[in-house]
Amino acid sequence: MTTTKPPETIIVVDFGAQYAQLIARRVRENHVHSFIVGPNVTAKQLKEHNAVGMIFSGGPSSVYAKDAPRCRDEIMELGLPILGICYGMQLGCQMLGSDVKPAASGEFGRTQIEIIDRDVLFSHVPTDTAVWMSHGDIVKELSNDFVALARSKSCPFVAVRHKVKPFFGVQFHPEVTHTPCGGQIIRNFVYDACGCTGDWQVSNVVKTSIDNIRRQVGDKARVLCGLSGGVDSSVTAALIHAAIGDRLSCIFVDNGLLRNREVDLVAGTFRQHFNVDLHVVDAADQFLSKLEGVSDPQQKRIIIGHEFIEVFKTEAKRFTDARFLAQGTLYPDVIESGHSAGGRTANIKLHHNVGGLPSELGFELVEPLRDLFKDEARRVGEHLGLPDEIVWRHPFPGPGLAVRIIGPVTRERLALVRAADDIILEEIRAAGWYNKIAQAFGVLIPVATVGVMGDDRSYAGQHIVAVRFVESADFMTADWVHIDHDILARISNRIINEVAGVNRVVYDISSKPPATIEWE
C-alpha cells in the first residue's frame, strides 16, 4: 500500500506556552495543517512532516536563563520561514545576534502599537492597531541584520524581520482573540511568507485518515470501538466503518453514569443509520459498586477508566480476530493530559481514554482524531453523513455524570443530576439556544442550604444545582454564556419544583482559564 504524503505543514515549536495549541488552531483555520513539536525537533523530522514553515511559541522562561529551552542551531539554517511569538521572537533574535534583556517595565494586556514597515507580515493591518502583550523581557539591542516593523510606547521592537533569513518576530500574541488583527497576521505569514496553498480540507483529512486506518489495521483484523454516543467516539466509529466496513464492532458500555435515553439514541443511530455491529453491555452495577464512597475526582476518573478496560477485556473475548481498540481521543485531550509535544504543559486532568491503558489489554490503539480539534472532528462527521443530532451534540465527559456530582456517587444523586440535566437541555432547546451554546450542563453540589419547605425552614436532604453554560470555539478556552435571564429563571423554577431534593439553583459565571469547563 502506498504511503500518503503529508499535507503542507506549519510546525509549531512549543517552548512551554500554555496555549501553543491555539497557534496550531489559528493556522488550521486557514486550511493549512499544523503540528506541535518540542524544542529538540530535528531537521530530519521537519522534512518527514513536510514542513513549509515554523512558528516559535511563547513560553514562561527568559532566553538568557541557564535552563531556557532552545531549538537546535540547524533549524535556523534550513531556510524555512519562521515566525517567533513573544519568547519565540526573543529566542530567534538572540540566536541571530541581537541582545535580550529584562524590560524596565513589562507589558501586559491590550496595547496599542504603530506599524512602521508593513512588509508581508502586516499586509491589510491598520497602522495603529491593538495587540495583546504578556512579557517581561524585550529585545534591547537589535542586530544590524534586522529591520524593525512595529513599535509601542515602551517597546521599540514590537515586530522585526531579518534582512537575509526568513525570520519574523512579534513581541505580542497574534493567536489570542484579544489581538483583533492577529488572524490576519498569521494568515499573512502562512500564505505570503510560507507560500501555502491551503490543502488542509475536510475531504483530504477524511481520505488520509481512511488510508491510515487501512494501513494500520490491515485487511483481516477486527477493530473494537468504545462507543459513547458523543461526537468524538461517534465520528471515530463512522470513520473506521468507512475504512474497514463490517470488520468494525462497537461496544457501548452502559456504566450507569449516562444521560437519559442515551442507549436508545446510540443504538438507533448506529444500528439503523450505519448498520454497524453494536453490542450494548449493562455494567452499571459494576461501576457504581467500585465508585461507592469515592469523592476525589481524579480517583473517580481512574476507577471508571479501569472498569471500562475490564468490561472491554471481558467483552473482547467474544472477538477472536480483534487486535485493535479505537478511541475518540482529540488533540485537547492529549494536551490536557500532560502529553504535549513540548513536554512542559501541566497535567490539568486525567482522561480515561488517553494513555495508561494496561499492556495486558492486548490491543493496539487506533486514534484517528488524535490530532484534530473538536470543530474539525464535527466537520469530518458531517462529511461522513452523521446526523446533526450527533455531530452537533454538546460534549459529554468520558466519566459521565460521576464528575458532575461533587462528592460520592450514589444512585439517588445520579437520579437528581440526570433529572436536572434533562430540564436544562429541554429549556435551552425550546428557547432556541442549544446551538448557540458550546456546552450546557448541571452540577450537583450535595451541600445543604436553608430552604423553605411548606411553612418550615429545612436543611435535611437538600442540594444545590449549579448550571454551567459556556461558549467556546476550541474548548481550550471558554467564556460563560450571557443567556437571557428569563431562561435561567424557567430552568431554576422547574428544577426546584420537579427535582425533589434540590432547593437552590446557581449559575456559574467562571471563564476558562482560570476555571475548567467541567467542575471535576
Protein backbone atom coordinates (compact mmCIF):
# COMPACT_ATOMS: atom_id res chain seq x y z
CA MET A 1 0.00 0.00 0.00
CA THR A 2 1.37 3.39 -0.92
CA THR A 3 2.14 5.96 1.75
CA THR A 4 0.05 9.13 1.73
CA LYS A 5 2.22 12.23 1.51
CA PRO A 6 1.72 14.57 4.48
CA PRO A 7 -0.01 17.88 3.69
CA GLU A 8 1.99 21.08 3.67
CA THR A 9 2.56 21.78 7.34
CA ILE A 10 3.39 24.69 9.60
CA ILE A 11 5.36 23.30 12.53
CA VAL A 12 4.69 24.95 15.90
CA VAL A 13 7.67 24.62 18.24
CA ASP A 14 6.35 24.60 21.80
CA PHE A 15 8.64 26.37 24.28
CA GLY A 16 6.26 25.81 27.16
CA ALA A 17 3.44 28.11 26.08
CA GLN A 18 0.22 27.42 27.94
CA TYR A 19 -1.76 27.73 24.71
CA ALA A 20 0.61 26.64 21.96
CA GLN A 21 -2.34 24.66 20.58
CA LEU A 22 -4.14 27.93 19.88
CA ILE A 23 -1.38 28.82 17.43
CA ALA A 24 -1.87 25.49 15.70
CA ARG A 25 -5.61 26.09 15.58
CA ARG A 26 -5.23 29.56 14.06
CA VAL A 27 -3.08 28.07 11.32
CA ARG A 28 -5.64 25.35 10.60
CA GLU A 29 -8.39 27.94 10.35
CA ASN A 30 -6.57 28.97 7.17
CA HIS A 31 -6.85 25.42 5.75
CA VAL A 32 -3.18 24.70 6.44
CA HIS A 33 -2.12 21.74 8.54
CA SER A 34 -0.18 22.46 11.72
CA PHE A 35 1.63 20.19 14.13
CA ILE A 36 3.20 20.89 17.53
CA VAL A 37 6.68 19.60 18.34
CA GLY A 38 9.15 20.03 21.17
CA PRO A 39 12.25 22.27 21.08
CA ASN A 40 14.54 19.34 20.20
CA VAL A 41 12.92 18.72 16.82
CA THR A 42 15.49 17.81 14.14
CA ALA A 43 15.79 18.87 10.53
CA LYS A 44 15.04 15.28 9.50
CA GLN A 45 11.78 15.28 11.45
CA LEU A 46 10.73 18.56 9.88
CA LYS A 47 11.25 17.07 6.45
CA GLU A 48 9.20 14.00 7.40
CA HIS A 49 6.32 16.28 8.40
CA ASN A 50 6.56 18.20 5.11
CA ALA A 51 7.26 21.45 6.96
CA VAL A 52 6.93 24.59 4.82
CA GLY A 53 7.27 26.99 7.73
CA MET A 54 7.63 27.19 11.50
CA ILE A 55 6.20 29.18 14.40
CA PHE A 56 8.16 29.51 17.64
CA SER A 57 5.69 29.75 20.53
CA GLY A 58 5.85 31.92 23.62
CA GLY A 59 6.90 30.50 26.95
CA PRO A 60 7.47 31.29 30.64
CA SER A 61 11.29 31.29 30.51
CA SER A 62 13.84 34.03 29.81
CA VAL A 63 16.11 33.28 26.87
CA TYR A 64 19.19 34.31 28.87
CA ALA A 65 18.40 31.90 31.75
CA LYS A 66 20.69 28.89 32.16
CA ASP A 67 17.98 26.27 31.59
CA ALA A 68 15.99 28.17 28.96
CA PRO A 69 14.55 25.91 26.22
CA ARG A 70 16.26 26.35 22.87
CA CYS A 71 15.91 24.84 19.43
CA ARG A 72 18.79 23.25 17.54
CA ASP A 73 21.08 25.63 15.68
CA GLU A 74 20.50 23.68 12.47
CA ILE A 75 16.85 24.79 12.46
CA MET A 76 17.81 28.40 11.77
CA GLU A 77 19.87 27.31 8.74
CA LEU A 78 17.15 25.38 6.91
CA GLY A 79 15.75 28.38 5.07
CA LEU A 80 12.21 27.72 6.33
CA PRO A 81 10.21 30.86 7.13
CA ILE A 82 9.91 31.25 10.91
CA LEU A 83 7.55 33.41 12.94
CA GLY A 84 8.68 33.94 16.54
CA ILE A 85 5.98 34.88 19.06
CA CYS A 86 6.99 36.57 22.34
CA TYR A 87 9.62 34.17 23.76
CA GLY A 88 9.95 32.75 20.24
CA MET A 89 10.84 36.19 18.88
CA GLN A 90 13.37 36.78 21.66
CA LEU A 91 14.99 33.39 21.08
CA GLY A 92 15.25 33.87 17.32
CA CYS A 93 16.64 37.37 17.70
CA GLN A 94 19.20 36.18 20.26
CA MET A 95 20.30 33.27 18.03
CA LEU A 96 20.72 35.74 15.16
CA GLY A 97 22.88 38.21 17.07
CA SER A 98 20.53 40.50 18.99
CA ASP A 99 20.52 41.19 22.74
CA VAL A 100 17.60 40.32 25.03
CA LYS A 101 17.28 41.88 28.49
CA PRO A 102 14.63 42.40 31.18
CA ALA A 103 12.30 45.27 30.32
CA ALA A 104 12.25 48.35 32.54
CA SER A 105 8.54 47.68 32.88
CA GLY A 106 6.77 44.71 31.34
CA GLU A 107 3.78 44.99 29.04
CA PHE A 108 0.68 43.02 29.96
CA GLY A 109 -2.75 43.23 28.40
CA ARG A 110 -4.06 45.20 25.44
CA THR A 111 -1.50 47.60 23.99
CA GLN A 112 -1.57 50.00 21.04
CA ILE A 113 1.25 49.58 18.54
CA GLU A 114 2.36 51.52 15.49
CA ILE A 115 3.36 49.67 12.32
CA ILE A 116 6.34 51.38 10.72
CA ASP A 117 7.07 48.85 7.95
CA ARG A 118 4.24 46.74 6.58
CA ASP A 119 6.39 44.14 4.84
CA VAL A 120 4.47 40.86 4.27
CA LEU A 121 3.54 40.38 7.92
CA PHE A 122 1.30 43.42 8.30
CA SER A 123 -0.47 43.48 4.96
CA HIS A 124 -4.12 44.59 5.43
CA VAL A 125 -3.45 45.57 9.07
CA PRO A 126 -4.13 49.18 10.20
CA THR A 127 -1.09 51.34 11.00
CA ASP A 128 -2.32 51.86 14.56
CA THR A 129 -3.71 48.64 15.99
CA ALA A 130 -4.29 46.93 19.31
CA VAL A 131 -2.45 43.75 20.31
CA TRP A 132 -2.24 41.55 23.40
CA MET A 133 1.06 41.70 25.28
CA SER A 134 2.39 39.48 28.05
CA HIS A 135 6.14 39.85 28.51
CA GLY A 136 8.80 40.97 30.96
CA ASP A 137 11.78 40.76 28.59
CA ILE A 138 12.45 42.70 25.40
CA VAL A 139 14.91 42.74 22.53
CA LYS A 140 17.12 45.53 23.90
CA GLU A 141 19.63 45.85 21.06
CA LEU A 142 18.61 44.82 17.56
CA SER A 143 21.32 43.48 15.26
CA ASN A 144 22.03 45.43 12.08
CA ASP A 145 20.79 42.36 10.22
CA PHE A 146 17.23 43.13 11.35
CA VAL A 147 14.56 45.61 10.29
CA ALA A 148 12.06 46.94 12.86
CA LEU A 149 8.46 46.56 11.68
CA ALA A 150 6.43 47.91 14.61
CA ARG A 151 6.83 49.64 17.98
CA SER A 152 4.91 50.62 21.10
CA LYS A 153 5.46 53.36 23.66
CA SER A 154 7.59 51.15 25.89
CA CYS A 155 8.99 48.66 23.35
CA PRO A 156 10.90 49.91 20.27
CA PHE A 157 10.96 46.46 18.64
CA VAL A 158 7.43 45.07 18.81
CA ALA A 159 7.88 43.31 15.45
CA VAL A 160 11.01 42.60 13.40
CA ARG A 161 12.26 40.90 10.24
CA HIS A 162 15.72 39.57 9.44
CA LYS A 163 17.18 41.08 6.28
CA VAL A 164 18.60 37.81 4.94
CA LYS A 165 16.99 34.86 6.70
CA PRO A 166 13.18 34.40 6.53
CA PHE A 167 12.75 35.06 10.24
CA PHE A 168 9.95 37.28 11.57
CA GLY A 169 9.25 38.10 15.19
CA VAL A 170 6.37 39.68 17.09
CA GLN A 171 6.53 40.52 20.78
CA PHE A 172 2.73 40.25 21.15
CA HIS A 173 0.39 37.29 20.82
CA PRO A 174 -1.46 37.16 17.48
CA GLU A 175 -3.00 33.77 18.34
CA VAL A 176 -5.39 35.13 21.01
CA THR A 177 -8.71 36.76 20.22
CA HIS A 178 -7.62 39.84 22.20
CA THR A 179 -5.42 40.76 19.22
CA PRO A 180 -8.12 41.78 16.70
CA CYS A 181 -5.85 41.56 13.64
CA GLY A 182 -3.97 38.51 14.88
CA GLY A 183 -5.73 36.16 12.49
CA GLN A 184 -4.74 38.35 9.53
CA ILE A 185 -1.10 38.44 10.69
CA ILE A 186 -0.96 34.65 10.93
CA ARG A 187 -2.68 34.34 7.56
CA ASN A 188 -0.09 36.71 6.04
CA PHE A 189 2.71 34.58 7.43
CA VAL A 190 1.16 31.29 6.33
CA TYR A 191 0.27 32.33 2.78
CA ASP A 192 2.61 35.20 1.87
CA ALA A 193 5.76 34.24 3.78
CA CYS A 194 5.46 30.42 3.59
CA GLY A 195 3.65 30.17 0.23
CA CYS A 196 1.00 27.74 1.46
CA THR A 197 -1.81 26.73 -0.88
CA GLY A 198 -4.41 25.68 1.72
CA ASP A 199 -4.63 21.93 1.12
CA TRP A 200 -5.92 21.10 4.64
CA GLN A 201 -9.53 20.39 3.61
CA VAL A 202 -12.05 18.08 5.29
CA SER A 203 -12.23 15.82 2.26
CA ASN A 204 -8.45 15.42 2.31
CA VAL A 205 -8.46 14.78 6.07
CA VAL A 206 -11.06 12.03 5.66
CA LYS A 207 -9.19 10.39 2.80
CA THR A 208 -5.88 10.49 4.66
CA SER A 209 -7.48 9.12 7.83
CA ILE A 210 -9.12 6.25 5.96
CA ASP A 211 -5.82 5.42 4.26
CA ASN A 212 -4.00 5.48 7.61
CA ILE A 213 -6.62 3.26 9.28
CA ARG A 214 -6.41 0.70 6.48
CA ARG A 215 -2.63 0.75 6.61
CA GLN A 216 -2.56 0.28 10.38
CA VAL A 217 -5.28 -2.36 10.63
CA GLY A 218 -4.57 -4.37 7.51
CA ASP A 219 -7.14 -6.39 5.59
CA LYS A 220 -8.05 -9.09 8.13
CA ALA A 221 -8.07 -7.82 11.73
CA ARG A 222 -11.16 -6.56 13.54
CA VAL A 223 -11.36 -3.21 15.35
CA LEU A 224 -13.34 -2.73 18.54
CA CYS A 225 -14.60 0.75 19.23
CA GLY A 226 -15.70 2.08 22.59
CA LEU A 227 -18.82 3.96 21.54
CA SER A 228 -20.27 6.50 23.98
CA GLY A 229 -22.71 8.37 21.77
CA GLY A 230 -20.72 11.59 21.98
CA VAL A 231 -19.28 13.41 19.00
CA ASP A 232 -15.75 12.09 19.35
CA SER A 233 -16.45 8.36 19.54
CA SER A 234 -19.29 8.62 17.01
CA VAL A 235 -17.08 10.27 14.39
CA THR A 236 -14.34 7.75 15.17
CA ALA A 237 -16.76 4.87 14.58
CA ALA A 238 -18.09 6.36 11.36
CA LEU A 239 -14.57 6.98 10.07
CA ILE A 240 -13.36 3.47 10.85
CA HIS A 241 -16.54 1.96 9.40
CA ALA A 242 -15.86 3.88 6.17
CA ALA A 243 -12.35 2.39 6.15
CA ILE A 244 -12.94 -1.29 7.01
CA GLY A 245 -16.72 -1.83 6.89
CA ASP A 246 -18.10 -4.79 8.83
CA ARG A 247 -14.74 -5.52 10.47
CA LEU A 248 -15.68 -2.82 12.98
CA SER A 249 -17.54 -3.88 16.10
CA CYS A 250 -18.73 -1.20 18.53
CA ILE A 251 -19.18 -1.79 22.23
CA PHE A 252 -21.41 0.59 24.12
CA VAL A 253 -20.86 0.33 27.87
CA ASP A 254 -23.81 1.43 29.98
CA ASN A 255 -21.88 2.37 33.10
CA GLY A 256 -24.88 3.77 34.94
CA LEU A 257 -23.43 7.27 34.62
CA LEU A 258 -25.17 8.26 31.39
CA ARG A 259 -27.83 10.78 30.48
CA ASN A 260 -31.48 9.81 29.99
CA ARG A 261 -32.29 7.75 26.88
CA GLU A 262 -28.62 7.50 25.92
CA VAL A 263 -28.74 3.82 24.95
CA ASP A 264 -31.76 4.35 22.70
CA LEU A 265 -30.11 7.23 20.83
CA VAL A 266 -26.84 5.40 20.22
CA ALA A 267 -28.44 2.12 19.20
CA GLY A 268 -30.87 3.86 16.87
CA THR A 269 -28.15 5.89 15.17
CA PHE A 270 -25.54 3.22 14.60
CA ARG A 271 -27.66 0.11 14.08
CA GLN A 272 -30.22 1.72 11.80
CA HIS A 273 -28.29 4.57 10.15
CA PHE A 274 -24.93 2.87 9.59
CA ASN A 275 -25.79 -0.81 10.11
CA VAL A 276 -22.83 -1.14 12.48
CA ASP A 277 -22.25 -4.25 14.60
CA LEU A 278 -23.16 -2.77 18.02
CA HIS A 279 -23.04 -4.57 21.38
CA VAL A 280 -24.59 -2.92 24.46
CA VAL A 281 -23.16 -4.01 27.82
CA ASP A 282 -25.10 -3.27 31.02
CA ALA A 283 -22.32 -2.71 33.57
CA ALA A 284 -23.97 -0.15 35.83
CA ASP A 285 -23.77 -2.27 38.99
CA GLN A 286 -20.08 -2.95 38.42
CA PHE A 287 -19.17 0.73 38.04
CA LEU A 288 -21.34 2.03 40.86
CA SER A 289 -20.07 -0.52 43.36
CA LYS A 290 -16.46 0.47 42.62
CA LEU A 291 -17.32 4.18 42.99
CA GLU A 292 -19.07 3.76 46.32
CA GLY A 293 -17.75 6.28 48.84
CA VAL A 294 -15.20 7.83 46.44
CA SER A 295 -15.11 11.65 46.48
CA ASP A 296 -11.80 12.57 44.82
CA PRO A 297 -12.44 13.47 41.15
CA GLN A 298 -9.14 12.09 39.87
CA GLN A 299 -9.78 8.83 41.70
CA LYS A 300 -13.23 8.67 40.11
CA ARG A 301 -11.65 9.00 36.68
CA ILE A 302 -9.07 6.32 37.44
CA ILE A 303 -11.71 3.89 38.70
CA ILE A 304 -14.02 4.50 35.75
CA GLY A 305 -11.13 4.13 33.29
CA HIS A 306 -10.05 0.88 34.95
CA GLU A 307 -13.54 -0.60 34.96
CA PHE A 308 -14.06 0.48 31.37
CA ILE A 309 -10.99 -1.55 30.42
CA GLU A 310 -12.12 -4.54 32.48
CA VAL A 311 -15.51 -4.55 30.75
CA PHE A 312 -13.76 -4.34 27.40
CA LYS A 313 -11.43 -7.22 28.23
CA THR A 314 -14.40 -9.40 29.10
CA GLU A 315 -16.45 -8.40 26.07
CA ALA A 316 -13.48 -8.60 23.70
CA LYS A 317 -13.05 -12.32 24.36
CA ARG A 318 -16.02 -12.81 22.06
CA PHE A 319 -14.00 -11.47 19.13
CA THR A 320 -11.09 -13.78 18.36
CA ASP A 321 -9.98 -11.67 15.40
CA ALA A 322 -9.91 -8.32 17.27
CA ARG A 323 -6.47 -6.77 17.60
CA PHE A 324 -7.27 -3.05 17.71
CA LEU A 325 -9.15 -0.73 20.04
CA ALA A 326 -10.46 2.55 18.60
CA GLN A 327 -10.85 5.65 20.75
CA GLY A 328 -12.14 9.14 20.05
CA THR A 329 -9.14 10.93 21.53
CA LEU A 330 -8.95 14.56 20.43
CA TYR A 331 -6.00 16.91 20.49
CA PRO A 332 -7.25 18.86 23.54
CA ASP A 333 -7.46 15.54 25.44
CA VAL A 334 -3.80 14.95 24.70
CA ILE A 335 -2.80 18.45 25.79
CA GLU A 336 -4.84 18.46 29.00
CA SER A 337 -3.48 15.06 29.98
CA GLY A 338 0.04 16.45 30.02
CA HIS A 339 1.19 14.81 26.78
CA SER A 340 2.03 17.99 24.89
CA ALA A 341 4.79 17.82 22.32
CA GLY A 342 6.78 20.37 24.26
CA GLY A 343 6.66 18.22 27.34
CA ARG A 344 6.12 21.22 29.61
CA THR A 345 2.34 21.51 29.89
CA ALA A 346 0.83 20.85 33.30
CA ASN A 347 -1.49 17.90 33.78
CA ILE A 348 -4.88 19.59 34.06
CA LYS A 349 -6.98 16.46 34.37
CA LEU A 350 -6.88 12.77 33.61
CA HIS A 351 -8.75 11.43 30.60
CA HIS A 352 -9.61 7.77 30.81
CA ASN A 353 -9.11 7.44 27.05
CA VAL A 354 -5.59 8.90 26.90
CA GLY A 355 -2.63 6.78 27.87
CA GLY A 356 -2.50 4.49 30.88
CA LEU A 357 -4.05 1.53 29.10
CA PRO A 358 -2.50 -1.59 30.65
CA SER A 359 -0.33 -3.70 28.42
CA GLU A 360 -2.39 -6.79 29.30
CA LEU A 361 -5.31 -5.32 27.36
CA GLY A 362 -3.67 -6.81 24.31
CA PHE A 363 -4.95 -4.20 21.83
CA GLU A 364 -3.18 -1.69 19.67
CA LEU A 365 -4.82 1.73 19.77
CA VAL A 366 -6.42 3.33 16.73
CA GLU A 367 -6.98 7.06 17.36
CA PRO A 368 -7.87 8.71 14.04
CA LEU A 369 -8.93 12.03 15.65
CA ARG A 370 -5.91 12.41 17.92
CA ASP A 371 -4.56 15.43 16.00
CA LEU A 372 -7.92 17.14 15.45
CA PHE A 373 -9.75 19.85 17.34
CA LYS A 374 -13.43 19.42 18.18
CA ASP A 375 -14.71 21.61 15.32
CA GLU A 376 -12.56 19.66 12.84
CA ALA A 377 -13.98 16.38 14.14
CA ARG A 378 -17.50 17.75 13.67
CA ARG A 379 -16.77 18.66 10.06
CA VAL A 380 -15.43 15.15 9.47
CA GLY A 381 -18.66 13.75 10.93
CA GLU A 382 -20.77 15.91 8.62
CA HIS A 383 -18.70 14.80 5.64
CA LEU A 384 -19.32 11.16 6.60
CA GLY A 385 -23.08 11.67 6.84
CA LEU A 386 -23.64 11.52 10.60
CA PRO A 387 -26.97 13.12 11.64
CA ASP A 388 -26.88 16.63 13.08
CA GLU A 389 -28.18 15.46 16.47
CA ILE A 390 -24.93 13.50 16.87
CA VAL A 391 -22.49 15.85 15.12
CA TRP A 392 -23.64 18.98 16.94
CA ARG A 393 -24.31 17.34 20.27
CA HIS A 394 -22.76 19.04 23.28
CA PRO A 395 -19.68 17.28 24.67
CA PHE A 396 -20.19 14.81 27.50
CA PRO A 397 -17.29 13.76 29.75
CA GLY A 398 -15.93 10.23 29.49
CA PRO A 399 -16.55 9.58 33.20
CA GLY A 400 -20.12 10.74 32.66
CA LEU A 401 -22.25 12.14 35.45
CA ALA A 402 -19.74 10.94 38.05
CA VAL A 403 -17.76 14.15 37.54
CA ARG A 404 -20.91 16.26 37.66
CA ILE A 405 -21.59 15.17 41.22
CA ILE A 406 -19.39 16.78 43.84
CA GLY A 407 -18.53 14.08 46.37
CA PRO A 408 -19.52 10.41 46.36
CA VAL A 409 -21.65 8.99 43.55
CA THR A 410 -24.90 7.30 44.56
CA ARG A 411 -27.93 6.14 42.60
CA GLU A 412 -30.02 8.80 44.32
CA ARG A 413 -27.63 11.61 43.41
CA LEU A 414 -27.37 10.32 39.84
CA ALA A 415 -31.16 10.48 39.56
CA LEU A 416 -31.12 14.09 40.75
CA VAL A 417 -28.42 15.35 38.37
CA ARG A 418 -29.89 13.33 35.49
CA ALA A 419 -33.30 14.92 36.01
CA ALA A 420 -31.79 18.40 36.28
CA ASP A 421 -29.77 17.80 33.10
CA ASP A 422 -32.94 16.85 31.23
CA ILE A 423 -34.66 20.06 32.30
CA ILE A 424 -31.67 22.21 31.34
CA LEU A 425 -31.44 20.73 27.84
CA GLU A 426 -35.21 20.84 27.28
CA GLU A 427 -35.39 24.52 28.17
CA ILE A 428 -32.46 25.71 26.04
CA ARG A 429 -33.74 23.72 23.07
CA ALA A 430 -37.20 25.19 23.49
CA ALA A 431 -35.72 28.70 23.66
CA GLY A 432 -33.56 28.16 20.55
CA TRP A 433 -30.29 28.39 22.49
CA TYR A 434 -28.94 24.85 22.16
CA ASN A 435 -26.81 25.55 19.07
CA LYS A 436 -25.66 28.89 20.48
CA ILE A 437 -24.05 27.19 23.48
CA ALA A 438 -20.92 25.06 23.21
CA GLN A 439 -21.67 23.05 26.34
CA ALA A 440 -24.54 23.10 28.82
CA PHE A 441 -24.99 21.00 31.95
CA GLY A 442 -25.79 20.95 35.64
CA VAL A 443 -23.58 20.02 38.57
CA LEU A 444 -24.98 18.54 41.76
CA ILE A 445 -23.48 20.03 44.90
CA PRO A 446 -24.57 17.99 47.92
CA VAL A 447 -24.37 20.90 50.36
CA ALA A 448 -27.39 21.63 52.49
CA THR A 449 -28.50 25.26 52.41
CA VAL A 450 -31.52 26.58 54.22
CA GLY A 451 -34.76 26.28 52.35
CA VAL A 452 -38.44 26.74 52.99
CA MET A 453 -40.48 23.58 52.59
CA GLY A 454 -44.11 24.49 53.12
CA ASP A 455 -44.09 26.80 56.13
CA ASP A 456 -40.94 25.35 57.70
CA ARG A 457 -37.25 26.05 57.31
CA SER A 458 -35.42 22.91 56.20
CA TYR A 459 -31.85 21.74 55.62
CA ALA A 460 -32.28 17.97 55.52
CA GLY A 461 -31.76 16.24 52.21
CA GLN A 462 -31.41 19.45 50.21
CA HIS A 463 -28.82 20.01 47.46
CA ILE A 464 -27.64 22.76 45.10
CA VAL A 465 -27.58 22.52 41.30
CA ALA A 466 -25.04 24.72 39.55
CA VAL A 467 -25.95 25.47 35.93
CA ARG A 468 -22.99 25.83 33.57
CA PHE A 469 -23.27 27.27 30.03
CA VAL A 470 -20.10 28.05 28.09
CA GLU A 471 -19.25 29.38 24.65
CA SER A 472 -16.05 28.19 23.03
CA ALA A 473 -14.60 27.62 19.58
CA ASP A 474 -11.98 25.06 20.60
CA PHE A 475 -12.72 24.08 24.24
CA MET A 476 -9.19 25.12 25.20
CA THR A 477 -10.55 28.49 26.31
CA ALA A 478 -14.17 29.26 27.13
CA ASP A 479 -16.39 32.01 28.49
CA TRP A 480 -19.70 31.78 30.30
CA VAL A 481 -22.79 32.46 28.23
CA HIS A 482 -24.69 35.71 28.76
CA ILE A 483 -28.03 34.00 28.35
CA ASP A 484 -31.48 35.56 28.82
CA HIS A 485 -32.38 35.72 32.49
CA ASP A 486 -35.90 34.52 31.72
CA ILE A 487 -34.45 31.21 30.51
CA LEU A 488 -32.40 30.83 33.68
CA ALA A 489 -35.50 31.64 35.71
CA ARG A 490 -37.51 28.88 33.99
CA ILE A 491 -34.70 26.38 34.49
CA SER A 492 -34.37 27.27 38.16
CA ASN A 493 -38.11 27.14 38.74
CA ARG A 494 -38.50 23.74 37.07
CA ILE A 495 -35.52 22.14 38.82
CA ILE A 496 -36.61 23.31 42.27
CA ASN A 497 -40.21 22.23 41.66
CA GLU A 498 -39.62 19.00 39.75
CA VAL A 499 -36.40 17.58 41.22
CA ALA A 500 -37.13 16.57 44.79
CA GLY A 501 -34.09 17.22 46.97
CA VAL A 502 -32.89 20.41 45.26
CA ASN A 503 -33.80 23.73 46.86
CA ARG A 504 -31.28 26.10 45.26
CA VAL A 505 -30.02 26.73 41.69
CA VAL A 506 -26.97 28.90 40.92
CA TYR A 507 -25.36 30.00 37.63
CA ASP A 508 -21.61 29.55 37.08
CA ILE A 509 -20.02 32.68 35.56
CA SER A 510 -16.42 31.43 35.55
CA SER A 511 -14.28 31.53 32.39
CA LYS A 512 -11.63 29.05 31.26
CA PRO A 513 -8.96 29.86 32.35
CA PRO A 514 -8.73 30.02 35.31
CA ALA A 515 -11.60 27.54 35.75
CA THR A 516 -12.01 24.41 33.66
CA ILE A 517 -15.27 23.73 31.84
CA GLU A 518 -16.23 20.74 33.96
CA TRP A 519 -16.22 21.15 37.72
CA GLU A 520 -14.24 17.95 38.34
